[in-house]
């Protein structure tokens, strides 16, 4: 999925946010099982890469499969002045620096609020849940 397609898709949210103190173009995708970082952006991460116990096969949006055997553990995602730990697997992504999937959205109780994208809105953070608009 490219940036233009993401803008038109009502079930994803995109934006520029801080990841390990570097600005990243991020796609929040409730259809993605895991969270990923592009090979181009991974060099900006301050968190350490660790080998996976087992290789992980990622099916890309175009149907191609890619194998990854590393994960960046304990990166810091900053949303509305709140810091959240996130783990990211490096894969070949061209349109975004990072794709955040359900492995992060679910444990952090983040909801992607489906709004008409032509209406500006402010992000809100609740006590125990987080809303992405």
N, C-alpha and C. Protein backbone atom coordinates (compact mmCIF):
# COMPACT_ATOMS: atom_id res chain seq x y z
N UNK A 1 0.84 -1.16 0.00
CA UNK A 1 0.00 0.00 0.00
C UNK A 1 0.89 1.23 0.00
N UNK A 2 0.63 2.14 -0.91
CA UNK A 2 1.38 3.38 -0.98
C UNK A 2 0.71 4.48 -0.17
N UNK A 3 1.38 5.62 -0.06
CA UNK A 3 0.84 6.72 0.73
C UNK A 3 -0.48 7.23 0.16
N UNK A 4 -0.59 7.32 -1.16
CA UNK A 4 -1.83 7.80 -1.78
C UNK A 4 -2.98 6.85 -1.49
N UNK A 5 -2.74 5.54 -1.57
CA UNK A 5 -3.78 4.56 -1.26
C UNK A 5 -4.17 4.63 0.21
N UNK A 6 -3.20 4.84 1.08
CA UNK A 6 -3.48 4.90 2.51
C UNK A 6 -4.37 6.09 2.86
N UNK A 7 -4.16 7.21 2.20
CA UNK A 7 -4.98 8.39 2.46
C UNK A 7 -6.44 8.10 2.12
N UNK A 8 -6.67 7.33 1.07
CA UNK A 8 -8.03 7.01 0.64
C UNK A 8 -8.66 5.86 1.41
N UNK A 9 -7.86 5.07 2.12
CA UNK A 9 -8.37 3.89 2.82
C UNK A 9 -8.89 4.28 4.21
N UNK A 10 -10.17 4.01 4.49
CA UNK A 10 -10.73 4.43 5.78
C UNK A 10 -10.29 3.57 6.97
N UNK A 11 -9.62 2.44 6.76
CA UNK A 11 -9.27 1.58 7.90
C UNK A 11 -7.81 1.68 8.33
N UNK A 12 -7.10 2.65 7.80
CA UNK A 12 -5.72 2.87 8.23
C UNK A 12 -5.53 4.34 8.57
N UNK A 13 -4.51 4.62 9.36
CA UNK A 13 -4.15 5.98 9.72
C UNK A 13 -2.67 6.15 9.41
N UNK A 14 -2.32 7.28 8.82
CA UNK A 14 -0.91 7.57 8.54
C UNK A 14 -0.53 8.88 9.20
N UNK A 15 0.75 9.05 9.42
CA UNK A 15 1.24 10.31 9.97
C UNK A 15 2.72 10.24 10.21
N UNK A 16 3.27 11.37 10.61
CA UNK A 16 4.68 11.46 10.93
C UNK A 16 4.81 11.58 12.45
N UNK A 17 5.54 10.65 13.03
CA UNK A 17 5.68 10.59 14.48
C UNK A 17 7.14 10.29 14.82
N UNK A 18 7.51 10.56 16.07
CA UNK A 18 8.87 10.28 16.52
C UNK A 18 9.04 8.80 16.86
N UNK A 19 10.08 8.22 16.31
CA UNK A 19 10.46 6.85 16.64
C UNK A 19 11.95 6.89 16.96
N UNK A 20 12.29 6.60 18.19
CA UNK A 20 13.68 6.72 18.66
C UNK A 20 14.27 8.09 18.31
N UNK A 21 13.47 9.13 18.52
CA UNK A 21 13.86 10.53 18.31
C UNK A 21 14.16 10.90 16.86
N UNK A 22 13.68 10.11 15.91
CA UNK A 22 13.75 10.46 14.49
C UNK A 22 12.34 10.46 13.94
N UNK A 23 12.03 11.42 13.08
CA UNK A 23 10.70 11.47 12.50
C UNK A 23 10.53 10.36 11.47
N UNK A 24 9.44 9.61 11.62
CA UNK A 24 9.15 8.48 10.74
C UNK A 24 7.76 8.65 10.13
N UNK A 25 7.65 8.31 8.86
CA UNK A 25 6.35 8.25 8.19
C UNK A 25 5.75 6.88 8.54
N UNK A 26 4.65 6.89 9.30
CA UNK A 26 4.13 5.66 9.88
C UNK A 26 2.74 5.35 9.37
N UNK A 27 2.51 4.08 9.07
CA UNK A 27 1.19 3.55 8.72
C UNK A 27 0.71 2.70 9.88
N UNK A 28 -0.40 3.09 10.50
CA UNK A 28 -1.05 2.26 11.53
C UNK A 28 -2.07 1.41 10.79
N UNK A 29 -1.86 0.11 10.77
CA UNK A 29 -2.67 -0.78 9.94
C UNK A 29 -3.23 -1.93 10.77
N UNK A 30 -4.54 -1.89 11.01
CA UNK A 30 -5.17 -2.96 11.80
C UNK A 30 -5.24 -4.27 11.02
N UNK A 31 -4.91 -4.25 9.74
CA UNK A 31 -4.86 -5.46 8.95
C UNK A 31 -3.50 -6.14 8.98
N UNK A 32 -2.52 -5.49 9.59
CA UNK A 32 -1.17 -6.06 9.69
C UNK A 32 -1.04 -6.80 11.02
N UNK A 33 -0.55 -8.02 10.95
CA UNK A 33 -0.38 -8.84 12.16
C UNK A 33 0.78 -8.34 13.02
N UNK A 34 1.84 -7.90 12.38
CA UNK A 34 3.07 -7.49 13.07
C UNK A 34 3.43 -6.05 12.70
N UNK A 35 4.47 -5.54 13.36
CA UNK A 35 4.97 -4.19 13.09
C UNK A 35 6.34 -4.29 12.43
N UNK A 36 6.58 -3.39 11.47
CA UNK A 36 7.76 -3.48 10.62
C UNK A 36 8.45 -2.13 10.46
N UNK A 37 9.73 -2.17 10.16
CA UNK A 37 10.51 -0.99 9.85
C UNK A 37 11.19 -1.22 8.51
N UNK A 38 11.31 -0.15 7.72
CA UNK A 38 11.97 -0.29 6.42
C UNK A 38 13.48 -0.44 6.61
N UNK A 39 14.10 -1.09 5.64
CA UNK A 39 15.56 -1.24 5.70
C UNK A 39 16.24 0.13 5.67
N UNK A 40 15.65 1.09 4.96
CA UNK A 40 16.24 2.42 4.87
C UNK A 40 16.19 3.16 6.21
N UNK A 41 15.12 2.96 6.99
CA UNK A 41 14.95 3.68 8.25
C UNK A 41 15.62 2.99 9.44
N UNK A 42 15.83 1.70 9.34
CA UNK A 42 16.34 0.95 10.51
C UNK A 42 17.68 1.48 11.02
N UNK A 43 18.44 2.14 10.16
CA UNK A 43 19.75 2.66 10.57
C UNK A 43 19.62 3.86 11.51
N UNK A 44 18.42 4.45 11.58
CA UNK A 44 18.19 5.58 12.48
C UNK A 44 17.74 5.14 13.88
N UNK A 45 17.44 3.86 14.03
CA UNK A 45 16.96 3.36 15.31
C UNK A 45 18.09 3.26 16.32
N UNK A 46 17.77 3.60 17.56
CA UNK A 46 18.75 3.50 18.64
C UNK A 46 18.63 2.17 19.39
N UNK A 47 17.52 1.47 19.19
CA UNK A 47 17.33 0.18 19.85
C UNK A 47 18.17 -0.89 19.14
N UNK A 48 18.40 -1.96 19.82
CA UNK A 48 19.27 -3.03 19.32
C UNK A 48 18.51 -4.06 18.51
N UNK A 49 19.16 -4.55 17.47
CA UNK A 49 18.61 -5.65 16.67
C UNK A 49 19.02 -6.97 17.30
N UNK A 50 18.06 -7.89 17.37
CA UNK A 50 18.34 -9.22 17.90
C UNK A 50 17.84 -10.26 16.90
N UNK A 51 18.51 -11.42 16.85
CA UNK A 51 18.02 -12.47 15.96
C UNK A 51 16.73 -13.07 16.50
N UNK A 52 15.82 -13.41 15.59
CA UNK A 52 14.61 -14.13 15.98
C UNK A 52 14.96 -15.58 16.24
N UNK A 53 14.21 -16.23 17.10
CA UNK A 53 14.42 -17.65 17.36
C UNK A 53 14.13 -18.46 16.10
N UNK A 54 13.07 -18.06 15.38
CA UNK A 54 12.73 -18.69 14.11
C UNK A 54 12.57 -17.59 13.07
N UNK A 55 12.89 -17.90 11.81
CA UNK A 55 12.68 -16.92 10.76
C UNK A 55 11.18 -16.65 10.62
N UNK A 56 10.86 -15.45 10.17
CA UNK A 56 9.47 -15.03 10.03
C UNK A 56 9.23 -14.68 8.57
N UNK A 57 8.20 -15.25 7.97
CA UNK A 57 7.86 -14.96 6.58
C UNK A 57 6.76 -13.91 6.56
N UNK A 58 7.02 -12.84 5.84
CA UNK A 58 6.08 -11.72 5.73
C UNK A 58 5.50 -11.73 4.33
N UNK A 59 4.17 -11.73 4.24
CA UNK A 59 3.53 -11.58 2.93
C UNK A 59 3.24 -10.10 2.73
N UNK A 60 3.88 -9.53 1.72
CA UNK A 60 3.74 -8.10 1.44
C UNK A 60 2.40 -7.84 0.75
N UNK A 61 2.01 -6.56 0.67
CA UNK A 61 0.73 -6.17 0.07
C UNK A 61 0.64 -6.60 -1.40
N UNK A 62 1.79 -6.68 -2.08
CA UNK A 62 1.79 -7.08 -3.49
C UNK A 62 1.80 -8.60 -3.67
N UNK A 63 1.70 -9.35 -2.56
CA UNK A 63 1.66 -10.81 -2.63
C UNK A 63 3.01 -11.48 -2.53
N UNK A 64 4.09 -10.72 -2.67
CA UNK A 64 5.43 -11.30 -2.55
C UNK A 64 5.72 -11.62 -1.09
N UNK A 65 6.55 -12.63 -0.90
CA UNK A 65 6.92 -13.04 0.46
C UNK A 65 8.37 -12.65 0.72
N UNK A 66 8.61 -12.21 1.94
CA UNK A 66 9.95 -11.83 2.36
C UNK A 66 10.23 -12.49 3.71
N UNK A 67 11.44 -12.96 3.86
CA UNK A 67 11.84 -13.62 5.11
C UNK A 67 12.69 -12.65 5.92
N UNK A 68 12.40 -12.55 7.21
CA UNK A 68 13.22 -11.76 8.11
C UNK A 68 13.63 -12.63 9.29
N UNK A 69 14.82 -12.38 9.79
CA UNK A 69 15.30 -13.17 10.92
C UNK A 69 15.83 -12.29 12.05
N UNK A 70 15.46 -11.00 12.01
CA UNK A 70 15.88 -10.06 13.05
C UNK A 70 14.69 -9.28 13.55
N UNK A 71 14.84 -8.71 14.74
CA UNK A 71 13.82 -7.83 15.31
C UNK A 71 14.52 -6.76 16.13
N UNK A 72 14.03 -5.53 16.02
CA UNK A 72 14.53 -4.43 16.84
C UNK A 72 13.65 -4.37 18.08
N UNK A 73 14.26 -4.58 19.24
CA UNK A 73 13.54 -4.68 20.51
C UNK A 73 13.63 -3.37 21.30
N UNK A 74 12.50 -2.92 21.81
CA UNK A 74 12.48 -1.77 22.72
C UNK A 74 12.69 -0.42 22.09
N UNK A 75 12.26 -0.25 20.84
CA UNK A 75 12.29 1.08 20.24
C UNK A 75 11.26 1.95 20.96
N UNK A 76 11.38 3.26 20.84
CA UNK A 76 10.47 4.17 21.53
C UNK A 76 9.65 4.96 20.52
N UNK A 77 8.34 4.74 20.54
CA UNK A 77 7.38 5.47 19.70
C UNK A 77 6.76 6.56 20.56
N UNK A 78 6.78 7.80 20.08
CA UNK A 78 6.22 8.92 20.83
C UNK A 78 4.95 9.41 20.15
N UNK A 79 3.84 9.37 20.90
CA UNK A 79 2.54 9.85 20.43
C UNK A 79 1.99 10.81 21.47
N UNK A 80 1.69 12.03 21.06
CA UNK A 80 1.12 13.03 21.97
C UNK A 80 1.90 13.14 23.28
N UNK A 81 3.21 13.22 23.17
CA UNK A 81 4.10 13.36 24.32
C UNK A 81 4.09 12.16 25.27
N UNK A 82 3.59 11.02 24.81
CA UNK A 82 3.63 9.78 25.57
C UNK A 82 4.56 8.82 24.84
N UNK A 83 5.41 8.13 25.57
CA UNK A 83 6.35 7.18 24.97
C UNK A 83 5.86 5.76 25.17
N UNK A 84 5.99 4.97 24.10
CA UNK A 84 5.55 3.58 24.11
C UNK A 84 6.66 2.70 23.55
N UNK A 85 6.95 1.57 24.18
CA UNK A 85 7.92 0.64 23.59
C UNK A 85 7.28 -0.10 22.41
N UNK A 86 8.09 -0.37 21.41
CA UNK A 86 7.61 -1.10 20.24
C UNK A 86 8.75 -1.94 19.69
N UNK A 87 8.43 -3.12 19.19
CA UNK A 87 9.38 -4.02 18.54
C UNK A 87 9.07 -4.03 17.05
N UNK A 88 10.11 -3.97 16.23
CA UNK A 88 9.93 -3.85 14.78
C UNK A 88 10.81 -4.84 14.03
N UNK A 89 10.23 -5.49 13.03
CA UNK A 89 10.99 -6.39 12.17
C UNK A 89 11.34 -5.67 10.87
N UNK A 90 12.60 -5.73 10.43
CA UNK A 90 12.99 -5.05 9.20
C UNK A 90 12.52 -5.82 7.96
N UNK A 91 11.89 -5.08 7.04
CA UNK A 91 11.44 -5.63 5.76
C UNK A 91 11.58 -4.55 4.69
N UNK A 92 11.37 -4.94 3.44
CA UNK A 92 11.43 -4.01 2.32
C UNK A 92 10.12 -3.25 2.21
N UNK A 93 10.12 -2.01 2.66
CA UNK A 93 8.97 -1.11 2.55
C UNK A 93 9.47 0.12 1.80
N UNK A 94 8.68 0.59 0.85
CA UNK A 94 9.10 1.78 0.11
C UNK A 94 8.27 3.01 0.45
N UNK A 95 6.99 2.85 0.70
CA UNK A 95 6.11 4.01 0.88
C UNK A 95 6.10 4.57 2.29
N UNK A 96 6.50 3.78 3.27
CA UNK A 96 6.49 4.21 4.67
C UNK A 96 7.79 3.79 5.33
N UNK A 97 8.12 4.48 6.42
CA UNK A 97 9.28 4.07 7.22
C UNK A 97 8.92 2.93 8.16
N UNK A 98 7.67 2.96 8.65
CA UNK A 98 7.22 2.00 9.65
C UNK A 98 5.77 1.62 9.39
N UNK A 99 5.44 0.36 9.60
CA UNK A 99 4.06 -0.11 9.61
C UNK A 99 3.80 -0.67 11.00
N UNK A 100 2.80 -0.13 11.67
CA UNK A 100 2.46 -0.60 13.02
C UNK A 100 1.21 -1.46 12.92
N UNK A 101 1.34 -2.70 13.36
CA UNK A 101 0.26 -3.68 13.26
C UNK A 101 -0.35 -4.03 14.60
N UNK A 102 -1.14 -5.10 14.57
CA UNK A 102 -1.91 -5.51 15.74
C UNK A 102 -1.05 -5.97 16.91
N UNK A 103 0.19 -6.39 16.67
CA UNK A 103 1.05 -6.79 17.79
C UNK A 103 1.33 -5.62 18.72
N UNK A 104 1.23 -4.39 18.21
CA UNK A 104 1.37 -3.20 19.05
C UNK A 104 0.01 -2.59 19.38
N UNK A 105 -0.88 -2.53 18.40
CA UNK A 105 -2.18 -1.89 18.61
C UNK A 105 -2.99 -2.57 19.70
N UNK A 106 -3.05 -3.90 19.70
CA UNK A 106 -3.87 -4.63 20.69
C UNK A 106 -3.36 -4.48 22.12
N UNK A 107 -2.08 -4.77 22.41
CA UNK A 107 -1.63 -4.66 23.79
C UNK A 107 -1.69 -3.23 24.34
N UNK A 108 -1.60 -2.25 23.44
CA UNK A 108 -1.66 -0.87 23.87
C UNK A 108 -3.07 -0.31 23.83
N UNK A 109 -4.02 -1.18 23.54
CA UNK A 109 -5.43 -0.82 23.49
C UNK A 109 -5.66 0.40 22.62
N UNK A 110 -4.99 0.44 21.47
CA UNK A 110 -5.13 1.55 20.54
C UNK A 110 -6.27 1.27 19.58
N UNK A 111 -7.11 2.25 19.37
CA UNK A 111 -8.21 2.14 18.42
C UNK A 111 -7.94 3.06 17.25
N UNK A 112 -8.16 2.58 16.05
CA UNK A 112 -8.11 3.44 14.88
C UNK A 112 -9.53 3.92 14.67
N UNK A 113 -9.76 5.20 14.90
CA UNK A 113 -11.09 5.75 14.77
C UNK A 113 -11.37 6.06 13.32
N UNK A 114 -12.45 5.52 12.80
CA UNK A 114 -12.79 5.70 11.41
C UNK A 114 -13.59 6.99 11.26
N UNK A 115 -12.94 7.99 10.74
CA UNK A 115 -13.56 9.28 10.55
C UNK A 115 -13.49 9.66 9.08
N UNK A 116 -14.33 10.57 8.69
CA UNK A 116 -14.21 11.11 7.34
C UNK A 116 -12.92 11.90 7.32
N UNK A 117 -12.03 11.55 6.44
CA UNK A 117 -10.69 12.14 6.45
C UNK A 117 -10.69 13.60 6.04
N UNK A 118 -11.80 14.09 5.48
CA UNK A 118 -11.86 15.49 5.09
C UNK A 118 -12.12 16.40 6.29
N UNK A 119 -12.52 15.82 7.43
CA UNK A 119 -12.80 16.61 8.63
C UNK A 119 -11.60 16.52 9.56
N UNK A 120 -10.95 17.65 9.84
CA UNK A 120 -9.82 17.60 10.77
C UNK A 120 -10.28 17.25 12.17
N UNK A 121 -9.46 16.50 12.88
CA UNK A 121 -9.78 16.15 14.26
C UNK A 121 -8.50 16.11 15.07
N UNK A 122 -8.65 16.16 16.37
CA UNK A 122 -7.51 16.10 17.26
C UNK A 122 -7.38 14.71 17.83
N UNK A 123 -6.16 14.24 17.98
CA UNK A 123 -5.94 12.94 18.62
C UNK A 123 -6.20 13.08 20.11
N UNK A 124 -6.72 12.03 20.69
CA UNK A 124 -6.96 12.04 22.13
C UNK A 124 -6.33 10.82 22.74
N UNK A 125 -5.89 10.97 23.95
CA UNK A 125 -5.35 9.84 24.70
C UNK A 125 -6.16 9.70 25.97
N UNK A 126 -6.78 8.54 26.14
CA UNK A 126 -7.53 8.26 27.36
C UNK A 126 -6.61 7.69 28.41
N UNK A 127 -7.17 7.36 29.53
CA UNK A 127 -6.36 6.81 30.61
C UNK A 127 -5.81 5.44 30.28
N UNK A 128 -6.67 4.56 29.77
CA UNK A 128 -6.24 3.18 29.53
C UNK A 128 -6.31 2.78 28.07
N UNK A 129 -6.72 3.67 27.22
CA UNK A 129 -6.77 3.34 25.80
C UNK A 129 -6.28 4.54 25.01
N UNK A 130 -5.90 4.29 23.79
CA UNK A 130 -5.31 5.32 22.95
C UNK A 130 -6.05 5.35 21.63
N UNK A 131 -6.42 6.53 21.19
CA UNK A 131 -7.15 6.67 19.94
C UNK A 131 -6.26 7.31 18.90
N UNK A 132 -6.26 6.74 17.72
CA UNK A 132 -5.50 7.28 16.60
C UNK A 132 -6.51 7.77 15.59
N UNK A 133 -6.40 9.02 15.22
CA UNK A 133 -7.34 9.59 14.24
C UNK A 133 -6.57 10.06 13.04
